[in-house]
Amino acid sequence: MKRYKEPQFQERIAAAARARTAVLEQLRDKPPVDEAAAAERAERRLAKEAAAREKRQNALLAAKEEKAAKKALALEAAAASAAREKPVLTEAERKAARDARYLARKNRA
């Protein structure tokens, strides 16, 4: 079995030059870019990006409005429940309730 032979410096340079010329040949064989088609593709891409940006902005705005509406609804519900749960007592009613609590505490002891 033969041993691996390390390529010499000159051989490596020649291989690199062959590879470089092969790549240049491929680039020369490539057809030229049609400027009108490239401009049309760029215009379509920009229009698509603008539509996507507008869609994202509309979604964010809708989410913000929905959040504000939910918050307003929650505040309204909280205010309504607070008004329902806590009737406004007059001074005499508060005094009567306090006296009843004191009397109940005195009777327990």
PDB file of N, CA and C in Angstrom:
ATOM      1  N   MET A   1       0.847  -1.162   0.000  1.00  0.00           N
ATOM      2  CA  MET A   1       0.000   0.000   0.000  1.00  0.00           C
ATOM      3  C   MET A   1       0.899   1.234   0.000  1.00  0.00           C
ATOM      4  N   LYS A   2       0.518   2.191  -0.859  1.00  0.00           N
ATOM      5  CA  LYS A   2       1.339   3.396  -0.973  1.00  0.00           C
ATOM      6  C   LYS A   2       1.013   4.355   0.160  1.00  0.00           C
ATOM      7  N   ARG A   3       2.002   5.077   0.538  1.00  0.00           N
ATOM      8  CA  ARG A   3       1.811   6.106   1.552  1.00  0.00           C
ATOM      9  C   ARG A   3       1.257   7.364   0.891  1.00  0.00           C
ATOM     10  N   TYR A   4       0.548   8.181   1.710  1.00  0.00           N
ATOM     11  CA  TYR A   4       0.029   9.446   1.210  1.00  0.00           C
ATOM     12  C   TYR A   4       1.199  10.371   0.963  1.00  0.00           C
ATOM     13  N   LYS A   5       1.213  10.976  -0.230  1.00  0.00           N
ATOM     14  CA  LYS A   5       2.288  11.891  -0.580  1.00  0.00           C
ATOM     15  C   LYS A   5       1.788  13.315  -0.443  1.00  0.00           C
ATOM     16  N   GLU A   6       2.395  14.060   0.396  1.00  0.00           N
ATOM     17  CA  GLU A   6       2.046  15.453   0.639  1.00  0.00           C
ATOM     18  C   GLU A   6       2.364  16.239  -0.635  1.00  0.00           C
ATOM     19  N   PRO A   7       1.375  17.035  -1.172  1.00  0.00           N
ATOM     20  CA  PRO A   7       1.671  17.807  -2.385  1.00  0.00           C
ATOM     21  C   PRO A   7       2.658  18.934  -2.076  1.00  0.00           C
ATOM     22  N   GLN A   8       3.528  19.181  -3.015  1.00  0.00           N
ATOM     23  CA  GLN A   8       4.524  20.230  -2.867  1.00  0.00           C
ATOM     24  C   GLN A   8       3.878  21.595  -3.056  1.00  0.00           C
ATOM     25  N   PHE A   9       4.611  22.617  -2.691  1.00  0.00           N
ATOM     26  CA  PHE A   9       4.095  23.979  -2.765  1.00  0.00           C
ATOM     27  C   PHE A   9       3.682  24.329  -4.192  1.00  0.00           C
ATOM     28  N   GLN A  10       4.502  24.001  -5.154  1.00  0.00           N
ATOM     29  CA  GLN A  10       4.208  24.324  -6.559  1.00  0.00           C
ATOM     30  C   GLN A  10       2.950  23.598  -7.031  1.00  0.00           C
ATOM     31  N   GLU A  11       2.763  22.371  -6.588  1.00  0.00           N
ATOM     32  CA  GLU A  11       1.574  21.610  -6.968  1.00  0.00           C
ATOM     33  C   GLU A  11       0.312  22.244  -6.368  1.00  0.00           C
ATOM     34  N   ARG A  12       0.386  22.721  -5.134  1.00  0.00           N
ATOM     35  CA  ARG A  12      -0.757  23.368  -4.494  1.00  0.00           C
ATOM     36  C   ARG A  12      -1.116  24.668  -5.212  1.00  0.00           C
ATOM     37  N   ILE A  13      -0.099  25.440  -5.605  1.00  0.00           N
ATOM     38  CA  ILE A  13      -0.344  26.684  -6.336  1.00  0.00           C
ATOM     39  C   ILE A  13      -0.992  26.389  -7.686  1.00  0.00           C
ATOM     40  N   ALA A  14      -0.531  25.373  -8.355  1.00  0.00           N
ATOM     41  CA  ALA A  14      -1.098  25.023  -9.658  1.00  0.00           C
ATOM     42  C   ALA A  14      -2.554  24.571  -9.508  1.00  0.00           C
ATOM     43  N   ALA A  15      -2.851  23.800  -8.475  1.00  0.00           N
ATOM     44  CA  ALA A  15      -4.227  23.344  -8.250  1.00  0.00           C
ATOM     45  C   ALA A  15      -5.140  24.528  -7.949  1.00  0.00           C
ATOM     46  N   ALA A  16      -4.667  25.481  -7.176  1.00  0.00           N
ATOM     47  CA  ALA A  16      -5.451  26.673  -6.861  1.00  0.00           C
ATOM     48  C   ALA A  16      -5.704  27.493  -8.124  1.00  0.00           C
ATOM     49  N   ALA A  17      -4.703  27.596  -8.983  1.00  0.00           N
ATOM     50  CA  ALA A  17      -4.860  28.347 -10.233  1.00  0.00           C
ATOM     51  C   ALA A  17      -5.868  27.657 -11.141  1.00  0.00           C
ATOM     52  N   ARG A  18      -5.831  26.331 -11.220  1.00  0.00           N
ATOM     53  CA  ARG A  18      -6.803  25.590 -12.044  1.00  0.00           C
ATOM     54  C   ARG A  18      -8.224  25.804 -11.505  1.00  0.00           C
ATOM     55  N   ALA A  19      -8.371  25.768 -10.202  1.00  0.00           N
ATOM     56  CA  ALA A  19      -9.688  25.969  -9.595  1.00  0.00           C
ATOM     57  C   ALA A  19     -10.186  27.386  -9.873  1.00  0.00           C
ATOM     58  N   ARG A  20      -9.297  28.354  -9.777  1.00  0.00           N
ATOM     59  CA  ARG A  20      -9.672  29.744 -10.024  1.00  0.00           C
ATOM     60  C   ARG A  20     -10.126  29.934 -11.474  1.00  0.00           C
ATOM     61  N   THR A  21      -9.388  29.365 -12.417  1.00  0.00           N
ATOM     62  CA  THR A  21      -9.780  29.509 -13.826  1.00  0.00           C
ATOM     63  C   THR A  21     -11.099  28.797 -14.102  1.00  0.00           C
ATOM     64  N   ALA A  22     -11.361  27.673 -13.426  1.00  0.00           N
ATOM     65  CA  ALA A  22     -12.629  26.961 -13.618  1.00  0.00           C
ATOM     66  C   ALA A  22     -13.805  27.817 -13.135  1.00  0.00           C
ATOM     67  N   VAL A  23     -13.622  28.465 -12.009  1.00  0.00           N
ATOM     68  CA  VAL A  23     -14.692  29.326 -11.482  1.00  0.00           C
ATOM     69  C   VAL A  23     -14.912  30.515 -12.405  1.00  0.00           C
ATOM     70  N   LEU A  24     -13.832  31.113 -12.908  1.00  0.00           N
ATOM     71  CA  LEU A  24     -13.971  32.239 -13.823  1.00  0.00           C
ATOM     72  C   LEU A  24     -14.678  31.829 -15.108  1.00  0.00           C
ATOM     73  N   GLU A  25     -14.409  30.645 -15.596  1.00  0.00           N
ATOM     74  CA  GLU A  25     -15.090  30.140 -16.796  1.00  0.00           C
ATOM     75  C   GLU A  25     -16.585  29.988 -16.535  1.00  0.00           C
ATOM     76  N   GLN A  26     -16.937  29.498 -15.364  1.00  0.00           N
ATOM     77  CA  GLN A  26     -18.351  29.347 -15.028  1.00  0.00           C
ATOM     78  C   GLN A  26     -19.037  30.713 -14.988  1.00  0.00           C
ATOM     79  N   LEU A  27     -18.367  31.722 -14.431  1.00  0.00           N
ATOM     80  CA  LEU A  27     -18.944  33.056 -14.374  1.00  0.00           C
ATOM     81  C   LEU A  27     -19.093  33.667 -15.764  1.00  0.00           C
ATOM     82  N   ARG A  28     -18.128  33.403 -16.663  1.00  0.00           N
ATOM     83  CA  ARG A  28     -18.210  33.935 -18.020  1.00  0.00           C
ATOM     84  C   ARG A  28     -19.355  33.280 -18.784  1.00  0.00           C
ATOM     85  N   ASP A  29     -19.607  32.022 -18.531  1.00  0.00           N
ATOM     86  CA  ASP A  29     -20.671  31.303 -19.217  1.00  0.00           C
ATOM     87  C   ASP A  29     -22.058  31.683 -18.726  1.00  0.00           C
ATOM     88  N   LYS A  30     -22.149  32.332 -17.593  1.00  0.00           N
ATOM     89  CA  LYS A  30     -23.429  32.727 -17.011  1.00  0.00           C
ATOM     90  C   LYS A  30     -24.059  33.826 -17.875  1.00  0.00           C
ATOM     91  N   PRO A  31     -25.371  33.732 -18.141  1.00  0.00           N
ATOM     92  CA  PRO A  31     -26.004  34.773 -18.969  1.00  0.00           C
ATOM     93  C   PRO A  31     -26.055  36.099 -18.216  1.00  0.00           C
ATOM     94  N   PRO A  32     -26.047  37.216 -18.943  1.00  0.00           N
ATOM     95  CA  PRO A  32     -26.074  38.521 -18.276  1.00  0.00           C
ATOM     96  C   PRO A  32     -27.428  38.762 -17.601  1.00  0.00           C
ATOM     97  N   VAL A  33     -27.415  39.628 -16.602  1.00  0.00           N
ATOM     98  CA  VAL A  33     -28.620  39.943 -15.834  1.00  0.00           C
ATOM     99  C   VAL A  33     -29.486  40.901 -16.647  1.00  0.00           C
ATOM    100  N   ASP A  34     -30.774  40.569 -16.763  1.00  0.00           N
ATOM    101  CA  ASP A  34     -31.716  41.441 -17.454  1.00  0.00           C
ATOM    102  C   ASP A  34     -32.139  42.525 -16.465  1.00  0.00           C
ATOM    103  N   GLU A  35     -31.763  43.769 -16.733  1.00  0.00           N
ATOM    104  CA  GLU A  35     -32.010  44.874 -15.807  1.00  0.00           C
ATOM    105  C   GLU A  35     -33.503  45.095 -15.570  1.00  0.00           C
ATOM    106  N   ALA A  36     -34.316  44.961 -16.608  1.00  0.00           N
ATOM    107  CA  ALA A  36     -35.753  45.178 -16.465  1.00  0.00           C
ATOM    108  C   ALA A  36     -36.367  44.122 -15.539  1.00  0.00           C
ATOM    109  N   ALA A  37     -35.955  42.862 -15.719  1.00  0.00           N
ATOM    110  CA  ALA A  37     -36.477  41.781 -14.874  1.00  0.00           C
ATOM    111  C   ALA A  37     -36.010  41.954 -13.431  1.00  0.00           C
ATOM    112  N   ALA A  38     -34.767  42.363 -13.256  1.00  0.00           N
ATOM    113  CA  ALA A  38     -34.241  42.572 -11.908  1.00  0.00           C
ATOM    114  C   ALA A  38     -34.990  43.717 -11.216  1.00  0.00           C
ATOM    115  N   ALA A  39     -35.272  44.788 -11.955  1.00  0.00           N
ATOM    116  CA  ALA A  39     -36.005  45.919 -11.373  1.00  0.00           C
ATOM    117  C   ALA A  39     -37.426  45.494 -11.018  1.00  0.00           C
ATOM    118  N   GLU A  40     -38.046  44.688 -11.871  1.00  0.00           N
ATOM    119  CA  GLU A  40     -39.405  44.217 -11.598  1.00  0.00           C
ATOM    120  C   GLU A  40     -39.436  43.333 -10.350  1.00  0.00           C
ATOM    121  N   ARG A  41     -38.448  42.445 -10.226  1.00  0.00           N
ATOM    122  CA  ARG A  41     -38.374  41.584  -9.036  1.00  0.00           C
ATOM    123  C   ARG A  41     -38.174  42.424  -7.777  1.00  0.00           C
ATOM    124  N   ALA A  42     -37.323  43.434  -7.851  1.00  0.00           N
ATOM    125  CA  ALA A  42     -37.080  44.297  -6.693  1.00  0.00           C
ATOM    126  C   ALA A  42     -38.350  45.059  -6.326  1.00  0.00           C
ATOM    127  N   GLU A  43     -39.075  45.538  -7.338  1.00  0.00           N
ATOM    128  CA  GLU A  43     -40.313  46.268  -7.077  1.00  0.00           C
ATOM    129  C   GLU A  43     -41.351  45.360  -6.417  1.00  0.00           C
ATOM    130  N   ARG A  44     -41.480  44.120  -6.909  1.00  0.00           N
ATOM    131  CA  ARG A  44     -42.420  43.174  -6.300  1.00  0.00           C
ATOM    132  C   ARG A  44     -42.026  42.861  -4.858  1.00  0.00           C
ATOM    133  N   ARG A  45     -40.726  42.704  -4.615  1.00  0.00           N
ATOM    134  CA  ARG A  45     -40.252  42.416  -3.266  1.00  0.00           C
ATOM    135  C   ARG A  45     -40.563  43.574  -2.319  1.00  0.00           C
ATOM    136  N   LEU A  46     -40.315  44.804  -2.775  1.00  0.00           N
ATOM    137  CA  LEU A  46     -40.613  45.972  -1.945  1.00  0.00           C
ATOM    138  C   LEU A  46     -42.103  46.100  -1.673  1.00  0.00           C
ATOM    139  N   ALA A  47     -42.939  45.817  -2.670  1.00  0.00           N
ATOM    140  CA  ALA A  47     -44.386  45.881  -2.470  1.00  0.00           C
ATOM    141  C   ALA A  47     -44.838  44.823  -1.473  1.00  0.00           C
ATOM    142  N   LYS A  48     -44.258  43.640  -1.573  1.00  0.00           N
ATOM    143  CA  LYS A  48     -44.602  42.557  -0.652  1.00  0.00           C
ATOM    144  C   LYS A  48     -44.187  42.911   0.778  1.00  0.00           C
ATOM    145  N   GLU A  49     -43.005  43.491   0.942  1.00  0.00           N
ATOM    146  CA  GLU A  49     -42.532  43.904   2.263  1.00  0.00           C
ATOM    147  C   GLU A  49     -43.419  45.008   2.840  1.00  0.00           C
ATOM    148  N   ALA A  50     -43.843  45.949   1.999  1.00  0.00           N
ATOM    149  CA  ALA A  50     -44.709  47.027   2.470  1.00  0.00           C
ATOM    150  C   ALA A  50     -46.059  46.472   2.911  1.00  0.00           C
ATOM    151  N   ALA A  51     -46.599  45.516   2.152  1.00  0.00           N
ATOM    152  CA  ALA A  51     -47.874  44.905   2.526  1.00  0.00           C
ATOM    153  C   ALA A  51     -47.744  44.150   3.844  1.00  0.00           C
ATOM    154  N   ALA A  52     -46.640  43.438   4.024  1.00  0.00           N
ATOM    155  CA  ALA A  52     -46.418  42.703   5.271  1.00  0.00           C
ATOM    156  C   ALA A  52     -46.269  43.658   6.441  1.00  0.00           C
ATOM    157  N   ARG A  53     -45.565  44.773   6.232  1.00  0.00           N
ATOM    158  CA  ARG A  53     -45.384  45.769   7.281  1.00  0.00           C
ATOM    159  C   ARG A  53     -46.731  46.378   7.675  1.00  0.00           C
ATOM    160  N   GLU A  54     -47.557  46.693   6.672  1.00  0.00           N
ATOM    161  CA  GLU A  54     -48.874  47.262   6.949  1.00  0.00           C
ATOM    162  C   GLU A  54     -49.755  46.261   7.691  1.00  0.00           C
ATOM    163  N   LYS A  55     -49.654  44.998   7.314  1.00  0.00           N
ATOM    164  CA  LYS A  55     -50.438  43.955   7.985  1.00  0.00           C
ATOM    165  C   LYS A  55     -50.031  43.840   9.461  1.00  0.00           C
ATOM    166  N   ARG A  56     -48.708  43.872   9.727  1.00  0.00           N
ATOM    167  CA  ARG A  56     -48.218  43.804  11.107  1.00  0.00           C
ATOM    168  C   ARG A  56     -48.700  45.010  11.908  1.00  0.00           C
ATOM    169  N   GLN A  57     -48.635  46.205  11.303  1.00  0.00           N
ATOM    170  CA  GLN A  57     -49.069  47.406  12.004  1.00  0.00           C
ATOM    171  C   GLN A  57     -50.564  47.348  12.317  1.00  0.00           C
ATOM    172  N   ASN A  58     -51.351  46.868  11.360  1.00  0.00           N
ATOM    173  CA  ASN A  58     -52.793  46.739  11.596  1.00  0.00           C
ATOM    174  C   ASN A  58     -53.077  45.735  12.706  1.00  0.00           C
ATOM    175  N   ALA A  59     -52.319  44.631  12.729  1.00  0.00           N
ATOM    176  CA  ALA A  59     -52.511  43.624  13.776  1.00  0.00           C
ATOM    177  C   ALA A  59     -52.153  44.197  15.142  1.00  0.00           C
ATOM    178  N   LEU A  60     -51.060  44.948  15.214  1.00  0.00           N
ATOM    179  CA  LEU A  60     -50.664  45.571  16.485  1.00  0.00           C
ATOM    180  C   LEU A  60     -51.706  46.586  16.946  1.00  0.00           C
ATOM    181  N   LEU A  61     -52.214  47.375  16.019  1.00  0.00           N
ATOM    182  CA  LEU A  61     -53.222  48.367  16.366  1.00  0.00           C
ATOM    183  C   LEU A  61     -54.499  47.687  16.853  1.00  0.00           C
ATOM    184  N   ALA A  62     -54.898  46.610  16.170  1.00  0.00           N
ATOM    185  CA  ALA A  62     -56.101  45.881  16.580  1.00  0.00           C
ATOM    186  C   ALA A  62     -55.912  45.270  17.967  1.00  0.00           C
ATOM    187  N   ALA A  63     -54.724  44.724  18.221  1.00  0.00           N
ATOM    188  CA  ALA A  63     -54.449  44.134  19.534  1.00  0.00           C
ATOM    189  C   ALA A  63     -54.480  45.204  20.617  1.00  0.00           C
ATOM    190  N   LYS A  64     -53.930  46.377  20.321  1.00  0.00           N
ATOM    191  CA  LYS A  64     -53.925  47.466  21.301  1.00  0.00           C
ATOM    192  C   LYS A  64     -55.349  47.934  21.592  1.00  0.00           C
ATOM    193  N   GLU A  65     -56.162  48.055  20.532  1.00  0.00           N
ATOM    194  CA  GLU A  65     -57.550  48.472  20.721  1.00  0.00           C
ATOM    195  C   GLU A  65     -58.334  47.427  21.509  1.00  0.00           C
ATOM    196  N   GLU A  66     -58.079  46.152  21.206  1.00  0.00           N
ATOM    197  CA  GLU A  66     -58.764  45.067  21.923  1.00  0.00           C
ATOM    198  C   GLU A  66     -58.385  45.082  23.405  1.00  0.00           C
ATOM    199  N   LYS A  67     -57.113  45.314  23.679  1.00  0.00           N
ATOM    200  CA  LYS A  67     -56.651  45.364  25.067  1.00  0.00           C
ATOM    201  C   LYS A  67     -57.302  46.534  25.809  1.00  0.00           C
ATOM    202  N   ALA A  68     -57.388  47.688  25.138  1.00  0.00           N
ATOM    203  CA  ALA A  68     -58.014  48.852  25.754  1.00  0.00           C
ATOM    204  C   ALA A  68     -59.494  48.596  26.011  1.00  0.00           C
ATOM    205  N   ALA A  69     -60.155  47.933  25.059  1.00  0.00           N
ATOM    206  CA  ALA A  69     -61.577  47.633  25.232  1.00  0.00           C
ATOM    207  C   ALA A  69     -61.786  46.666  26.397  1.00  0.00           C
ATOM    208  N   LYS A  70     -60.925  45.648  26.499  1.00  0.00           N
ATOM    209  CA  LYS A  70     -61.023  44.695  27.614  1.00  0.00           C
ATOM    210  C   LYS A  70     -60.800  45.397  28.946  1.00  0.00           C
ATOM    211  N   LYS A  71     -59.830  46.304  28.974  1.00  0.00           N
ATOM    212  CA  LYS A  71     -59.530  47.025  30.210  1.00  0.00           C
ATOM    213  C   LYS A  71     -60.709  47.903  30.614  1.00  0.00           C
ATOM    214  N   ALA A  72     -61.308  48.589  29.633  1.00  0.00           N
ATOM    215  CA  ALA A  72     -62.461  49.441  29.926  1.00  0.00           C
ATOM    216  C   ALA A  72     -63.634  48.593  30.412  1.00  0.00           C
ATOM    217  N   LEU A  73     -63.835  47.434  29.792  1.00  0.00           N
ATOM    218  CA  LEU A  73     -64.915  46.542  30.201  1.00  0.00           C
ATOM    219  C   LEU A  73     -64.691  46.028  31.621  1.00  0.00           C
ATOM    220  N   ALA A  74     -63.437  45.694  31.929  1.00  0.00           N
ATOM    221  CA  ALA A  74     -63.116  45.208  33.276  1.00  0.00           C
ATOM    222  C   ALA A  74     -63.325  46.307  34.315  1.00  0.00           C
ATOM    223  N   LEU A  75     -62.921  47.526  34.001  1.00  0.00           N
ATOM    224  CA  LEU A  75     -63.128  48.646  34.926  1.00  0.00           C
ATOM    225  C   LEU A  75     -64.615  48.914  35.136  1.00  0.00           C
ATOM    226  N   GLU A  76     -65.371  48.830  34.038  1.00  0.00           N
ATOM    227  CA  GLU A  76     -66.814  49.042  34.145  1.00  0.00           C
ATOM    228  C   GLU A  76     -67.467  47.951  34.990  1.00  0.00           C
ATOM    229  N   ALA A  77     -67.042  46.715  34.794  1.00  0.00           N
ATOM    230  CA  ALA A  77     -67.592  45.606  35.578  1.00  0.00           C
ATOM    231  C   ALA A  77     -67.217  45.750  37.052  1.00  0.00           C
ATOM    232  N   ALA A  78     -65.985  46.152  37.315  1.00  0.00           N
ATOM    233  CA  ALA A  78     -65.546  46.334  38.697  1.00  0.00           C
ATOM    234  C   ALA A  78     -66.333  47.460  39.368  1.00  0.00           C
ATOM    235  N   ALA A  79     -66.569  48.521  38.640  1.00  0.00           N
ATOM    236  CA  ALA A  79     -67.331  49.634  39.207  1.00  0.00           C
ATOM    237  C   ALA A  79     -68.776  49.217  39.471  1.00  0.00           C
ATOM    238  N   ALA A  80     -69.332  48.435  38.556  1.00  0.00           N
ATOM    239  CA  ALA A  80     -70.714  47.987  38.727  1.00  0.00           C
ATOM    240  C   ALA A  80     -70.831  47.036  39.919  1.00  0.00           C
ATOM    241  N   SER A  81     -69.876  46.121  40.051  1.00  0.00           N
ATOM    242  CA  SER A  81     -69.928  45.173  41.170  1.00  0.00           C
ATOM    243  C   SER A  81     -69.691  45.901  42.500  1.00  0.00           C
ATOM    244  N   ALA A  82     -68.828  46.896  42.497  1.00  0.00           N
ATOM    245  CA  ALA A  82     -68.573  47.651  43.720  1.00  0.00           C
ATOM    246  C   ALA A  82     -69.824  48.428  44.118  1.00  0.00           C
ATOM    247  N   ALA A  83     -70.526  48.957  43.136  1.00  0.00           N
ATOM    248  CA  ALA A  83     -71.743  49.709  43.439  1.00  0.00           C
ATOM    249  C   ALA A  83     -72.839  48.771  43.950  1.00  0.00           C
ATOM    250  N   ARG A  84     -72.891  47.552  43.406  1.00  0.00           N
ATOM    251  CA  ARG A  84     -73.890  46.589  43.835  1.00  0.00           C
ATOM    252  C   ARG A  84     -73.600  46.047  45.223  1.00  0.00           C
ATOM    253  N   GLU A  85     -72.373  45.737  45.511  1.00  0.00           N
ATOM    254  CA  GLU A  85     -71.994  45.080  46.761  1.00  0.00           C
ATOM    255  C   GLU A  85     -72.040  46.011  47.964  1.00  0.00           C
ATOM    256  N   LYS A  86     -71.725  47.239  47.774  1.00  0.00           N
ATOM    257  CA  LYS A  86     -71.544  48.142  48.896  1.00  0.00           C
ATOM    258  C   LYS A  86     -72.592  49.254  48.854  1.00  0.00           C
ATOM    259  N   PRO A  87     -73.726  49.044  49.493  1.00  0.00           N
ATOM    260  CA  PRO A  87     -74.708  50.120  49.500  1.00  0.00           C
ATOM    261  C   PRO A  87     -74.226  51.253  50.412  1.00  0.00           C
ATOM    262  N   VAL A  88     -74.608  52.431  50.088  1.00  0.00           N
ATOM    263  CA  VAL A  88     -74.215  53.599  50.884  1.00  0.00           C
ATOM    264  C   VAL A  88     -75.132  53.663  52.106  1.00  0.00           C
ATOM    265  N   LEU A  89     -74.506  53.600  53.282  1.00  0.00           N
ATOM    266  CA  LEU A  89     -75.272  53.621  54.539  1.00  0.00           C
ATOM    267  C   LEU A  89     -75.278  55.027  55.117  1.00  0.00           C
ATOM    268  N   THR A  90     -76.354  55.343  55.744  1.00  0.00           N
ATOM    269  CA  THR A  90     -76.427  56.639  56.428  1.00  0.00           C
ATOM    270  C   THR A  90     -75.688  56.531  57.751  1.00  0.00           C
ATOM    271  N   GLU A  91     -75.522  57.659  58.388  1.00  0.00           N
ATOM    272  CA  GLU A  91     -74.805  57.676  59.673  1.00  0.00           C
ATOM    273  C   GLU A  91     -75.552  56.869  60.721  1.00  0.00           C
ATOM    274  N   ALA A  92     -76.840  56.946  60.734  1.00  0.00           N
ATOM    275  CA  ALA A  92     -77.638  56.204  61.720  1.00  0.00           C
ATOM    276  C   ALA A  92     -77.535  54.701  61.474  1.00  0.00           C
ATOM    277  N   GLU A  93     -77.542  54.287  60.207  1.00  0.00           N
ATOM    278  CA  GLU A  93     -77.439  52.850  59.888  1.00  0.00           C
ATOM    279  C   GLU A  93     -76.059  52.316  60.293  1.00  0.00           C
ATOM    280  N   ARG A  94     -75.034  53.098  60.060  1.00  0.00           N
ATOM    281  CA  ARG A  94     -73.691  52.662  60.460  1.00  0.00           C
ATOM    282  C   ARG A  94     -73.603  52.532  61.980  1.00  0.00           C
ATOM    283  N   LYS A  95     -74.203  53.475  62.710  1.00  0.00           N
ATOM    284  CA  LYS A  95     -74.178  53.422  64.175  1.00  0.00           C
ATOM    285  C   LYS A  95     -74.939  52.212  64.682  1.00  0.00           C
ATOM    286  N   ALA A  96     -76.072  51.891  64.048  1.00  0.00           N
ATOM    287  CA  ALA A  96     -76.870  50.735  64.464  1.00  0.00           C
ATOM    288  C   ALA A  96     -76.093  49.440  64.208  1.00  0.00           C
ATOM    289  N   ALA A  97     -75.383  49.352  63.069  1.00  0.00           N
ATOM    290  CA  ALA A  97     -74.590  48.157  62.750  1.00  0.00           C
ATOM    291  C   ALA A  97     -73.449  48.011  63.741  1.00  0.00           C
ATOM    292  N   ARG A  98     -72.802  49.115  64.084  1.00  0.00           N
ATOM    293  CA  ARG A  98     -71.689  49.064  65.039  1.00  0.00           C
ATOM    294  C   ARG A  98     -72.194  48.634  66.416  1.00  0.00           C
ATOM    295  N   ASP A  99     -73.317  49.173  66.840  1.00  0.00           N
ATOM    296  CA  ASP A  99     -73.883  48.787  68.132  1.00  0.00           C
ATOM    297  C   ASP A  99     -74.247  47.310  68.150  1.00  0.00           C
ATOM    298  N   ALA A 100     -74.755  46.789  67.017  1.00  0.00           N
ATOM    299  CA  ALA A 100     -75.105  45.370  66.944  1.00  0.00           C
ATOM    300  C   ALA A 100     -73.856  44.508  67.067  1.00  0.00           C
ATOM    301  N   ARG A 101     -72.772  44.932  66.466  1.00  0.00           N
ATOM    302  CA  ARG A 101     -71.517  44.169  66.580  1.00  0.00           C
ATOM    303  C   ARG A 101     -71.010  44.184  68.012  1.00  0.00           C
ATOM    304  N   TYR A 102     -71.032  45.333  68.648  1.00  0.00           N
ATOM    305  CA  TYR A 102     -70.585  45.427  70.038  1.00  0.00           C
ATOM    306  C   TYR A 102     -71.439  44.545  70.941  1.00  0.00           C
ATOM    307  N   LEU A 103     -72.740  44.561  70.728  1.00  0.00           N
ATOM    308  CA  LEU A 103     -73.647  43.764  71.540  1.00  0.00           C
ATOM    309  C   LEU A 103     -73.394  42.267  71.331  1.00  0.00           C
ATOM    310  N   ALA A 104     -73.139  41.869  70.075  1.00  0.00           N
ATOM    311  CA  ALA A 104     -72.863  40.458  69.783  1.00  0.00           C
ATOM    312  C   ALA A 104     -71.554  40.050  70.441  1.00  0.00           C
ATOM    313  N   ARG A 105     -70.568  40.884  70.453  1.00  0.00           N
ATOM    314  CA  ARG A 105     -69.303  40.573  71.081  1.00  0.00           C
ATOM    315  C   ARG A 105     -69.466  40.474  72.604  1.00  0.00           C
ATOM    316  N   LYS A 106     -70.256  41.347  73.188  1.00  0.00           N
ATOM    317  CA  LYS A 106     -70.473  41.341  74.624  1.00  0.00           C
ATOM    318  C   LYS A 106     -71.222  40.080  75.048  1.00  0.00           C
ATOM    319  N   ASN A 107     -72.165  39.659  74.228  1.00  0.00           N
ATOM    320  CA  ASN A 107     -72.946  38.448  74.545  1.00  0.00           C
ATOM    321  C   ASN A 107     -72.103  37.178  74.412  1.00  0.00           C
ATOM    322  N   ARG A 108     -71.107  37.174  73.511  1.00  0.00           N
ATOM    323  CA  ARG A 108     -70.232  36.013  73.361  1.00  0.00           C
ATOM    324  C   ARG A 108     -69.336  35.827  74.568  1.00  0.00           C
ATOM    325  N   ALA A 109     -68.900  36.886  75.160  1.00  0.00           N
ATOM    326  CA  ALA A 109     -67.946  36.793  76.262  1.00  0.00           C
ATOM    327  C   ALA A 109     -68.579  36.407  77.569  1.00  0.00           C
TER     328      ALA A 109
END
